[in-house]
N, C-alpha and C. Protein backbone atom coordinates (compact mmCIF):
# COMPACT_ATOMS: atom_id res chain seq x y z
N UNK A 1 0.91 -1.05 -0.21
CA UNK A 1 0.00 -0.11 -0.13
C UNK A 1 0.88 1.26 0.14
N UNK A 2 2.05 1.28 0.64
CA UNK A 2 2.75 2.30 1.07
C UNK A 2 3.49 2.76 -0.75
N UNK A 3 3.86 1.62 -1.33
CA UNK A 3 4.45 1.58 -2.40
C UNK A 3 3.35 2.48 -3.80
N UNK A 4 2.14 1.99 -3.50
CA UNK A 4 1.01 2.91 -4.36
C UNK A 4 0.94 4.20 -4.12
N UNK A 5 0.84 4.46 -2.72
CA UNK A 5 0.82 5.87 -2.22
C UNK A 5 2.06 6.70 -3.02
N UNK A 6 3.30 5.79 -2.94
CA UNK A 6 4.34 6.95 -3.16
C UNK A 6 4.37 6.95 -4.92
N UNK A 7 3.54 6.00 -5.71
CA UNK A 7 3.34 6.39 -6.90
C UNK A 7 2.29 7.24 -7.35
N UNK A 8 1.21 7.34 -6.62
CA UNK A 8 0.18 8.34 -6.67
C UNK A 8 0.90 9.69 -6.41
N UNK A 9 1.77 9.69 -5.45
CA UNK A 9 2.18 11.03 -5.21
C UNK A 9 3.13 11.41 -6.26
N UNK A 10 4.11 10.54 -6.59
CA UNK A 10 4.95 11.06 -7.94
C UNK A 10 4.16 11.29 -9.09
N UNK A 11 2.85 10.58 -9.50
CA UNK A 11 2.25 10.66 -10.66
C UNK A 11 1.52 12.11 -10.51
N UNK A 12 1.22 12.46 -9.05
CA UNK A 12 0.30 13.68 -9.30
C UNK A 12 1.55 15.05 -9.47
N UNK A 13 2.66 14.71 -8.83
CA UNK A 13 3.87 15.66 -8.68
C UNK A 13 4.11 15.89 -10.35
N UNK A 14 4.06 14.80 -10.86
CA UNK A 14 4.50 14.92 -12.61
C UNK A 14 3.42 15.69 -13.18
N UNK A 15 2.14 15.05 -12.81
CA UNK A 15 1.11 16.03 -13.63
C UNK A 15 1.15 17.45 -13.20
N UNK A 16 1.51 17.80 -12.16
CA UNK A 16 1.33 19.47 -11.53
C UNK A 16 2.46 20.02 -12.14
N UNK A 17 3.57 19.44 -12.29
CA UNK A 17 4.99 19.93 -13.18
C UNK A 17 4.65 20.14 -14.56
N UNK A 18 4.00 19.06 -15.25
CA UNK A 18 3.62 19.25 -16.55
C UNK A 18 2.91 20.30 -16.74
N UNK A 19 1.77 20.68 -15.95
CA UNK A 19 0.79 21.52 -16.17
C UNK A 19 1.60 22.79 -15.96
N UNK A 20 2.37 23.10 -15.17
CA UNK A 20 2.95 24.36 -14.90
C UNK A 20 3.88 24.54 -15.94
N UNK A 21 4.57 23.52 -16.52
CA UNK A 21 5.58 23.64 -17.65
C UNK A 21 4.51 24.36 -18.63
N UNK A 22 3.79 23.65 -18.88
CA UNK A 22 2.51 23.97 -20.01
C UNK A 22 2.21 25.42 -20.01
N UNK A 23 2.02 25.81 -19.02
CA UNK A 23 1.39 27.12 -18.71
C UNK A 23 2.42 28.37 -18.75
N UNK A 24 3.65 27.93 -17.99
CA UNK A 24 4.91 28.76 -18.00
C UNK A 24 5.53 28.81 -19.34
N UNK A 25 5.57 27.74 -19.84
CA UNK A 25 6.48 27.94 -21.27
C UNK A 25 5.65 28.23 -22.49
N UNK A 26 4.56 28.47 -22.27
CA UNK A 26 3.78 29.04 -23.49
C UNK A 26 4.44 30.23 -24.31
N UNK A 27 4.53 30.19 -25.67
CA UNK A 27 5.21 31.56 -26.12
C UNK A 27 3.90 32.69 -26.37
N UNK A 28 4.43 33.77 -25.84
CA UNK A 28 3.48 34.80 -26.02
C UNK A 28 2.72 35.30 -27.38
N UNK A 29 1.39 35.47 -27.38
CA UNK A 29 0.63 35.68 -28.73
C UNK A 29 0.39 37.25 -28.94
N UNK A 30 0.80 37.61 -29.69
CA UNK A 30 0.32 39.18 -29.86
C UNK A 30 -0.67 39.41 -30.99
N UNK A 31 -1.54 40.13 -30.89
CA UNK A 31 -2.46 40.66 -32.40
C UNK A 31 -1.60 41.58 -33.17
N UNK A 32 -2.13 41.73 -34.31
CA UNK A 32 -1.44 42.62 -35.44
C UNK A 32 -1.43 44.07 -34.90
N UNK A 33 -0.42 44.76 -35.06
CA UNK A 33 -0.31 46.11 -34.81
C UNK A 33 -1.35 46.96 -35.63
N UNK A 34 -2.08 48.09 -35.18
CA UNK A 34 -2.85 48.75 -35.69
C UNK A 34 -2.69 49.14 -37.06
N UNK A 35 -3.42 48.89 -38.13
CA UNK A 35 -3.15 49.27 -39.82
C UNK A 35 -2.61 48.03 -40.21
N UNK A 36 -2.27 46.84 -39.76
CA UNK A 36 -1.53 45.98 -40.39
C UNK A 36 -2.77 44.53 -40.70
N UNK A 37 -2.46 43.85 -41.42
CA UNK A 37 -3.27 42.79 -41.41
C UNK A 37 -4.31 43.20 -42.73
N UNK A 38 -5.49 42.35 -43.14
CA UNK A 38 -6.41 42.63 -43.89
C UNK A 38 -7.77 43.07 -43.22
N UNK A 39 -8.32 44.19 -43.54
CA UNK A 39 -9.49 44.47 -42.81
C UNK A 39 -10.58 44.10 -43.67
N UNK A 40 -11.74 43.44 -42.91
CA UNK A 40 -13.04 42.86 -43.76
C UNK A 40 -12.41 41.62 -44.66
N UNK A 41 -11.39 40.98 -44.19
CA UNK A 41 -11.32 39.78 -45.25
C UNK A 41 -12.29 38.61 -44.83
N UNK A 42 -12.74 37.83 -46.07
CA UNK A 42 -13.67 37.13 -45.58
C UNK A 42 -13.40 35.70 -45.60
N UNK A 43 -12.81 35.51 -43.94
CA UNK A 43 -12.32 34.32 -43.62
C UNK A 43 -13.14 33.96 -41.89
N UNK A 44 -13.05 32.83 -41.58
CA UNK A 44 -13.83 32.61 -40.40
C UNK A 44 -13.18 33.33 -39.39
N UNK A 45 -13.85 33.75 -38.66
CA UNK A 45 -13.67 34.52 -37.03
C UNK A 45 -13.29 33.79 -36.28
N UNK A 46 -12.14 33.81 -35.42
CA UNK A 46 -12.00 32.97 -34.22
C UNK A 46 -11.35 31.66 -34.62
N UNK A 47 -11.29 31.20 -35.86
CA UNK A 47 -10.40 29.84 -36.11
C UNK A 47 -9.28 29.98 -36.38
N UNK A 48 -8.57 29.03 -36.39
CA UNK A 48 -7.15 29.08 -36.59
C UNK A 48 -6.87 29.15 -38.35
N UNK A 49 -5.70 29.55 -38.47
CA UNK A 49 -5.58 29.56 -40.06
C UNK A 49 -5.45 28.16 -40.59
N UNK A 50 -6.20 28.24 -41.82
CA UNK A 50 -5.90 26.61 -42.50
C UNK A 50 -5.13 26.75 -43.75
N UNK A 51 -4.65 25.83 -44.32
CA UNK A 51 -4.14 25.87 -45.34
C UNK A 51 -3.63 24.26 -46.10
N UNK A 52 -4.20 24.36 -47.27
CA UNK A 52 -3.93 22.80 -47.96
C UNK A 52 -3.72 22.87 -49.18
N UNK A 53 -3.29 21.66 -49.87
CA UNK A 53 -3.03 21.90 -51.32
C UNK A 53 -3.50 20.67 -51.75
N UNK A 54 -3.88 20.67 -52.91
CA UNK A 54 -4.33 19.60 -53.52
C UNK A 54 -3.73 19.40 -55.27
N UNK A 55 -3.40 18.23 -55.30
CA UNK A 55 -2.79 18.00 -56.67
C UNK A 55 -3.81 17.32 -57.70
N UNK A 56 -3.88 17.72 -58.93
CA UNK A 56 -4.54 17.34 -59.76
C UNK A 56 -4.00 16.15 -60.59
N UNK A 57 -3.15 15.05 -59.87
CA UNK A 57 -2.73 14.03 -60.53
C UNK A 57 -1.40 14.14 -61.20
N UNK A 58 -0.95 13.10 -61.28
CA UNK A 58 0.70 13.03 -61.89
C UNK A 58 0.35 13.36 -63.68
N UNK A 59 1.72 13.82 -63.93
CA UNK A 59 1.67 14.57 -65.27
C UNK A 59 2.27 13.37 -66.32
N UNK A 60 1.83 12.85 -67.40
CA UNK A 60 2.33 11.94 -68.26
C UNK A 60 2.65 12.56 -69.53
N UNK A 61 3.88 12.78 -69.96
CA UNK A 61 3.91 13.09 -71.35
C UNK A 61 4.26 12.06 -72.29
N UNK A 62 3.71 12.40 -73.31
CA UNK A 62 3.63 11.78 -74.54
C UNK A 62 4.58 12.52 -75.56
N UNK A 63 5.51 11.74 -76.01
CA UNK A 63 6.49 12.31 -77.32
C UNK A 63 6.09 12.08 -78.25
N UNK A 64 6.09 13.05 -79.22
CA UNK A 64 6.14 13.28 -80.60
C UNK A 64 7.28 13.34 -81.41
N UNK A 65 7.39 12.74 -82.66
CA UNK A 65 8.59 13.07 -83.36
C UNK A 65 8.80 14.72 -83.82
N UNK A 66 9.88 15.16 -83.84
CA UNK A 66 9.98 16.45 -84.21
C UNK A 66 11.56 16.51 -84.86
N UNK A 67 11.74 16.25 -86.17
CA UNK A 67 12.71 16.06 -86.96
C UNK A 67 13.43 14.76 -86.46
N UNK A 68 14.70 14.63 -85.89
CA UNK A 68 15.25 13.92 -85.26
C UNK A 68 15.03 13.40 -83.80
N UNK A 69 14.42 14.21 -83.33
CA UNK A 69 14.02 14.08 -81.87
C UNK A 69 12.76 14.12 -81.69
N UNK A 70 12.43 14.05 -80.40
CA UNK A 70 11.28 14.04 -79.88
C UNK A 70 10.86 15.12 -78.88
N UNK A 71 9.61 15.50 -78.85
CA UNK A 71 9.05 16.70 -78.01
C UNK A 71 7.76 16.09 -77.39
N UNK A 72 7.68 16.84 -76.02
CA UNK A 72 6.20 16.68 -75.21
C UNK A 72 6.20 17.56 -74.28
N UNK A 73 4.83 17.87 -73.94
CA UNK A 73 4.35 18.51 -72.77
C UNK A 73 3.17 17.92 -72.17
N UNK A 74 2.93 18.21 -70.99
CA UNK A 74 1.80 18.03 -70.31
C UNK A 74 1.54 18.86 -68.85
N UNK A 75 0.56 19.10 -68.43
CA UNK A 75 0.33 19.75 -67.33
C UNK A 75 -0.49 19.35 -66.47
N UNK A 76 -0.75 19.82 -65.21
CA UNK A 76 -1.66 19.46 -63.99
C UNK A 76 -1.79 20.78 -63.12
N UNK A 77 -3.01 20.86 -62.37
CA UNK A 77 -3.37 21.53 -61.70
C UNK A 77 -3.22 21.81 -60.32
N UNK A 78 -2.93 22.71 -59.50
CA UNK A 78 -2.53 22.55 -57.97
C UNK A 78 -3.29 23.58 -57.48
N UNK A 79 -4.27 22.97 -56.52
CA UNK A 79 -5.25 24.07 -55.99
C UNK A 79 -4.75 24.34 -54.47
N UNK A 80 -4.24 25.52 -53.91
CA UNK A 80 -4.00 26.04 -52.77
C UNK A 80 -5.31 26.71 -52.00
N UNK A 81 -5.82 26.18 -50.92
CA UNK A 81 -7.03 26.59 -50.32
C UNK A 81 -6.40 27.24 -48.80
N UNK A 82 -6.68 28.38 -48.65
CA UNK A 82 -5.93 29.00 -47.27
C UNK A 82 -6.95 30.30 -46.84
N UNK A 83 -7.06 30.15 -45.31
CA UNK A 83 -7.68 31.23 -44.81
C UNK A 83 -6.59 32.43 -44.25
N UNK A 84 -5.56 32.14 -44.45
CA UNK A 84 -4.34 32.98 -44.16
C UNK A 84 -4.55 34.57 -44.67
N UNK A 85 -4.77 35.52 -44.26
CA UNK A 85 -5.07 36.80 -44.62
C UNK A 85 -3.73 37.52 -45.22
N UNK A 86 -2.71 36.67 -44.92
CA UNK A 86 -1.39 37.37 -45.70
C UNK A 86 -1.26 36.92 -46.68
N UNK A 87 -1.57 35.74 -47.15
CA UNK A 87 -1.18 34.82 -48.36
C UNK A 87 -0.37 33.69 -48.13
N UNK A 88 0.29 33.32 -49.07
CA UNK A 88 0.92 32.15 -49.43
C UNK A 88 2.03 32.09 -50.36
N UNK A 89 2.97 30.93 -50.04
CA UNK A 89 3.86 30.87 -51.24
C UNK A 89 3.94 29.39 -51.48
N UNK A 90 4.21 29.36 -52.79
CA UNK A 90 4.12 27.92 -53.34
C UNK A 90 5.37 27.59 -53.88
N UNK A 91 5.94 26.42 -53.14
CA UNK A 91 7.40 25.93 -53.53
C UNK A 91 7.16 24.65 -54.37
N UNK A 92 8.11 24.46 -55.21
CA UNK A 92 8.55 23.38 -56.09
C UNK A 92 10.10 22.68 -56.12
N UNK A 93 10.58 21.30 -56.04
CA UNK A 93 11.77 20.81 -56.14
C UNK A 93 11.59 19.56 -56.40
N UNK A 94 12.92 18.94 -56.82
CA UNK A 94 12.97 17.69 -57.09
C UNK A 94 13.82 17.01 -56.09
N UNK A 95 13.50 16.27 -54.75
CA UNK A 95 14.73 15.75 -53.96
C UNK A 95 15.51 14.86 -54.33
N UNK A 96 16.61 14.89 -54.09
CA UNK A 96 17.70 14.05 -54.54
C UNK A 96 18.51 14.17 -55.77
N UNK A 97 17.56 14.18 -57.16
CA UNK A 97 17.92 14.44 -58.04
C UNK A 97 17.07 14.89 -58.85
N UNK A 98 17.45 15.62 -60.20
CA UNK A 98 16.44 16.45 -60.90
C UNK A 98 16.42 15.47 -62.50
N UNK A 99 17.27 14.26 -62.43
CA UNK A 99 16.85 13.58 -63.53
C UNK A 99 16.15 12.69 -63.45
N UNK A 100 15.49 12.63 -64.76
CA UNK A 100 14.16 11.95 -65.40
C UNK A 100 15.18 10.46 -65.35
N UNK A 101 14.79 9.35 -64.88
CA UNK A 101 15.43 8.34 -64.94
C UNK A 101 14.72 7.02 -65.54
N UNK A 102 15.47 6.05 -66.29
CA UNK A 102 14.69 5.00 -67.08
C UNK A 102 15.94 4.16 -67.09
N UNK A 103 15.92 3.19 -66.00
CA UNK A 103 17.10 2.24 -65.68
C UNK A 103 18.57 2.96 -65.29
N UNK A 104 19.40 2.86 -66.43
CA UNK A 104 20.65 3.67 -66.45
C UNK A 104 20.55 5.04 -67.24
N UNK A 105 19.38 5.02 -68.10
CA UNK A 105 19.17 5.98 -69.03
C UNK A 105 18.62 7.31 -68.04
N UNK A 106 19.25 8.38 -68.45
CA UNK A 106 18.52 9.76 -67.87
C UNK A 106 18.42 10.86 -68.80
N UNK A 107 17.70 11.71 -68.35
CA UNK A 107 17.47 13.06 -68.99
C UNK A 107 17.23 14.04 -67.90
N UNK A 108 18.38 14.95 -68.24
CA UNK A 108 18.43 15.96 -67.42
C UNK A 108 17.88 17.00 -67.23
N UNK A 109 17.62 17.77 -66.21
CA UNK A 109 16.76 19.07 -65.86
C UNK A 109 17.50 20.02 -66.53
N UNK A 110 16.73 20.85 -67.21
CA UNK A 110 17.42 21.93 -67.89
C UNK A 110 18.11 22.84 -67.05
N UNK A 111 18.85 23.58 -67.79
CA UNK A 111 19.87 24.42 -66.86
C UNK A 111 19.37 26.02 -67.04
N UNK A 112 18.14 26.10 -67.56
CA UNK A 112 17.46 27.42 -67.73
C UNK A 112 17.03 27.79 -66.57
N UNK A 113 17.31 29.16 -66.00
CA UNK A 113 17.09 29.69 -64.71
C UNK A 113 15.72 30.65 -65.11
N UNK A 114 15.22 30.83 -66.47
CA UNK A 114 13.90 31.60 -66.32
C UNK A 114 13.64 30.55 -67.68
N UNK A 115 12.19 30.80 -67.94
CA UNK A 115 11.76 30.09 -69.17
C UNK A 115 12.37 30.21 -70.51
N UNK A 116 13.05 29.36 -70.98
CA UNK A 116 13.48 29.43 -72.48
C UNK A 116 13.34 28.15 -73.09
N UNK A 117 13.87 28.02 -74.25
CA UNK A 117 13.66 26.53 -75.18
C UNK A 117 14.74 25.80 -74.34
N UNK A 118 14.40 24.23 -74.55
CA UNK A 118 15.11 23.37 -74.03
C UNK A 118 16.00 22.90 -74.80
N UNK A 119 17.35 22.81 -74.17
CA UNK A 119 18.43 21.96 -74.90
C UNK A 119 18.34 20.55 -75.07
N UNK A 120 18.80 19.93 -76.15
CA UNK A 120 18.67 18.49 -76.46
C UNK A 120 18.69 17.61 -74.90
N UNK A 121 17.79 16.58 -74.89
CA UNK A 121 17.97 15.94 -73.68
C UNK A 121 17.91 16.31 -72.37
N UNK A 122 16.87 17.59 -72.16
CA UNK A 122 16.52 18.01 -70.89
C UNK A 122 15.00 18.01 -70.75
N UNK A 123 14.72 18.65 -69.41
CA UNK A 123 13.14 18.69 -69.50
C UNK A 123 13.26 19.95 -68.55
N UNK A 124 11.89 20.66 -68.41
CA UNK A 124 11.81 22.07 -67.24
C UNK A 124 10.24 21.74 -67.34
N UNK A 125 9.87 22.95 -66.65
CA UNK A 125 8.48 23.15 -66.08
C UNK A 125 8.20 24.75 -66.20
N UNK A 126 6.99 25.11 -66.38
CA UNK A 126 6.49 26.39 -66.55
C UNK A 126 5.24 26.66 -65.70
N UNK A 127 4.93 28.01 -65.37
CA UNK A 127 3.54 28.38 -64.96
C UNK A 127 2.83 29.22 -65.96
N UNK A 128 3.57 29.58 -67.30
CA UNK A 128 3.06 30.11 -68.12
C UNK A 128 1.94 29.55 -68.99
N UNK A 129 2.16 28.12 -69.16
CA UNK A 129 1.41 27.73 -70.13
C UNK A 129 1.98 27.14 -71.36
N UNK A 130 3.18 27.76 -71.85
CA UNK A 130 4.13 27.52 -73.01
C UNK A 130 4.33 26.34 -72.96
N UNK A 131 4.41 25.86 -74.34
CA UNK A 131 4.61 24.51 -74.56
C UNK A 131 6.03 24.24 -75.06
N UNK A 132 6.87 25.38 -75.18
CA UNK A 132 8.38 25.50 -75.81
C UNK A 132 9.28 26.20 -74.66
N UNK A 133 8.74 26.94 -73.91
CA UNK A 133 9.71 27.45 -73.00
C UNK A 133 9.48 27.02 -71.45
N UNK A 134 10.62 26.92 -71.11
CA UNK A 134 10.72 25.96 -69.79
C UNK A 134 11.78 26.29 -68.92
N UNK A 135 11.70 26.19 -67.57
CA UNK A 135 12.98 26.60 -66.53
C UNK A 135 13.05 25.23 -65.77
N UNK A 136 14.30 25.05 -65.66
CA UNK A 136 15.22 23.99 -65.20
C UNK A 136 14.76 23.50 -63.58
N UNK A 137 14.43 22.37 -63.48
CA UNK A 137 14.23 21.95 -61.76
C UNK A 137 15.48 21.84 -61.12
N UNK A 138 15.23 22.15 -59.73
CA UNK A 138 16.11 22.39 -58.83
C UNK A 138 16.21 21.19 -57.72
N UNK A 139 17.26 20.96 -56.87
CA UNK A 139 17.02 19.99 -55.90
C UNK A 139 16.81 20.66 -54.61
N UNK A 140 16.65 21.92 -54.41
CA UNK A 140 16.11 22.59 -53.35
C UNK A 140 15.07 23.74 -53.70
N UNK A 141 14.18 23.87 -52.84
CA UNK A 141 12.78 24.52 -52.97
C UNK A 141 13.15 25.93 -53.83
N UNK A 142 12.15 26.06 -54.88
CA UNK A 142 12.45 27.41 -55.23
C UNK A 142 10.73 27.94 -55.27
N UNK A 143 10.46 29.31 -55.47
CA UNK A 143 9.15 30.08 -55.24
C UNK A 143 8.84 29.43 -56.47
N UNK A 144 7.41 29.16 -56.48
CA UNK A 144 6.58 29.03 -57.84
C UNK A 144 5.63 29.86 -57.82
N UNK A 145 5.25 30.40 -56.90
CA UNK A 145 4.08 31.36 -56.90
C UNK A 145 4.01 32.26 -55.41
N UNK A 146 3.83 33.34 -55.46
CA UNK A 146 4.00 34.18 -54.01
C UNK A 146 2.73 35.14 -54.25
N UNK A 147 1.58 34.94 -53.47
CA UNK A 147 0.49 35.79 -53.75
C UNK A 147 0.01 36.10 -52.09
N UNK A 148 -1.03 37.21 -52.37
CA UNK A 148 -1.42 37.71 -51.04
C UNK A 148 -2.89 37.47 -51.19
N UNK A 149 -3.26 37.60 -49.67
CA UNK A 149 -4.64 37.60 -49.54
C UNK A 149 -5.36 36.14 -49.23
N UNK A 150 -6.63 35.86 -48.76
CA UNK A 150 -6.96 34.72 -48.30
C UNK A 150 -7.73 34.02 -49.47
N UNK A 151 -7.46 32.84 -49.61
CA UNK A 151 -8.01 31.90 -50.78
C UNK A 151 -8.66 30.90 -49.82
N UNK A 152 -10.17 31.38 -49.80
CA UNK A 152 -10.82 30.13 -48.86
C UNK A 152 -11.79 29.14 -49.92
N UNK A 153 -11.71 29.74 -51.03
CA UNK A 153 -12.30 28.93 -51.99
C UNK A 153 -11.24 28.26 -53.10
N UNK A 154 -9.94 28.63 -52.61
CA UNK A 154 -8.57 27.84 -53.46
C UNK A 154 -8.48 28.68 -54.58
N UNK A 155 -7.16 28.67 -54.59
CA UNK A 155 -6.30 29.31 -55.94
C UNK A 155 -5.60 28.37 -56.46
N UNK A 156 -5.89 28.64 -58.16
CA UNK A 156 -5.54 27.55 -59.03
C UNK A 156 -4.07 27.90 -59.61
N UNK A 157 -3.10 26.86 -59.63
CA UNK A 157 -1.82 27.05 -60.25
C UNK A 157 -1.64 26.11 -61.26
N UNK A 158 -1.61 26.48 -62.72
CA UNK A 158 -1.47 25.18 -63.69
C UNK A 158 0.02 24.84 -64.09
N UNK A 159 0.66 23.86 -63.80
CA UNK A 159 2.20 23.89 -63.89
C UNK A 159 2.28 23.08 -64.93
N UNK A 160 3.01 23.38 -66.07
CA UNK A 160 3.50 22.58 -67.34
C UNK A 160 4.76 22.13 -67.59
N UNK A 161 5.02 20.85 -68.01
CA UNK A 161 6.13 20.27 -67.95
C UNK A 161 6.44 20.02 -69.44
N UNK A 162 7.84 19.71 -69.88
CA UNK A 162 8.16 19.88 -71.18
C UNK A 162 9.29 19.12 -71.25
N UNK A 163 9.84 18.25 -72.24
CA UNK A 163 10.83 17.50 -72.60
C UNK A 163 11.27 17.64 -74.16
N UNK A 164 12.59 17.55 -74.06
CA UNK A 164 13.29 17.61 -75.74
C UNK A 164 14.22 16.55 -75.48
N UNK A 165 13.79 15.23 -76.38
CA UNK A 165 14.77 14.12 -76.19
C UNK A 165 15.14 13.55 -77.66
N UNK A 166 16.46 12.98 -77.46
CA UNK A 166 17.14 12.74 -78.93
C UNK A 166 16.60 11.52 -79.31
N UNK A 167 16.43 11.10 -80.78
CA UNK A 167 15.71 10.08 -81.13
C UNK A 167 16.55 8.70 -80.99
N UNK A 168 18.00 9.30 -80.17
CA UNK A 168 18.67 7.91 -80.09
C UNK A 168 18.62 7.56 -78.54
N UNK A 169 17.72 8.35 -77.81
CA UNK A 169 17.47 7.71 -76.27
C UNK A 169 16.85 6.59 -76.31
N UNK A 170 17.18 5.55 -75.53
CA UNK A 170 16.24 4.57 -75.40
C UNK A 170 14.78 4.98 -74.87
N UNK A 171 13.80 4.07 -75.48
CA UNK A 171 12.63 4.14 -75.43
C UNK A 171 12.18 3.43 -73.93
N UNK A 172 11.07 4.16 -73.43
CA UNK A 172 10.65 3.52 -72.17
C UNK A 172 10.25 4.68 -71.21
N UNK A 173 9.81 4.44 -70.01
CA UNK A 173 9.09 5.61 -69.08
C UNK A 173 10.33 5.98 -68.15
N UNK A 174 10.48 7.35 -68.51
CA UNK A 174 11.26 8.22 -67.64
C UNK A 174 10.55 8.90 -66.32
N UNK A 175 11.38 9.00 -65.29
CA UNK A 175 10.40 9.42 -63.89
C UNK A 175 11.28 10.07 -63.30
N UNK A 176 10.97 11.38 -62.76
CA UNK A 176 11.27 12.02 -61.70
C UNK A 176 10.15 12.42 -60.60
N UNK A 177 10.72 12.66 -59.38
CA UNK A 177 9.90 13.19 -58.11
C UNK A 177 9.89 14.52 -58.05
N UNK A 178 8.72 15.03 -58.11
CA UNK A 178 8.71 16.61 -58.09
C UNK A 178 7.94 16.97 -56.59
N UNK A 179 8.16 17.77 -55.91
CA UNK A 179 7.58 18.07 -54.50
C UNK A 179 7.12 19.51 -54.51
N UNK A 180 5.70 19.70 -54.22
CA UNK A 180 5.24 21.01 -54.00
C UNK A 180 4.94 21.21 -52.33
N UNK A 181 5.37 22.35 -52.30
CA UNK A 181 4.94 22.82 -50.76
C UNK A 181 4.13 24.03 -50.47
N UNK A 182 3.08 24.26 -49.75
CA UNK A 182 2.53 25.53 -49.66
C UNK A 182 2.76 25.88 -48.03
N UNK A 183 3.43 27.24 -47.94
CA UNK A 183 3.73 27.70 -46.60
C UNK A 183 2.95 29.17 -46.60
N UNK A 184 2.36 29.42 -45.42
CA UNK A 184 1.60 30.57 -45.22
C UNK A 184 2.70 31.72 -44.99
N UNK A 185 2.36 32.75 -45.30
CA UNK A 185 3.10 33.93 -45.02
C UNK A 185 3.01 34.60 -43.95
N UNK A 186 3.92 35.17 -43.23
CA UNK A 186 3.71 35.98 -42.04
C UNK A 186 3.76 37.55 -42.28
N UNK A 187 3.21 38.12 -41.30
CA UNK A 187 3.38 39.58 -41.77
C UNK A 187 5.01 40.34 -41.42
């Protein structure tokens, strides 16, 4: 009985210390200073900010002959829904490697730092809808879109991918992973 009482005392003490720690260690929260934020924004009052991203499926590129080479493009839509009144940033990158692979065969990401024509045996992306001009993918996140305001009904972004491959490339499915991340902006 004495051992059980000691455990109860220790358990009570642990709960009290945990509660005190939770109360004392809470970070201070402040309202936005007067004149900042978005007055009259159509977002739910008193609820936490929400942010979600929906992907319109994988992109599949069918290549067609173009002289001695093959070209192709395809796109999909991303929808970001957010009640954050400041806005959000959408990032894109290929973790690990930007090469499209098919066994030991590869198609490298373009070296283009802005939308431009693709070099032979490269691929890229854009948000302009162009089927000829693309930017090269990176292995670290880059800003795809930076917008202000809440988007409680969703904000759409169409991402188009393209490839220019040599006719001597081995046939087959070339794949690469692409990650999209949406982050709420702060004031």
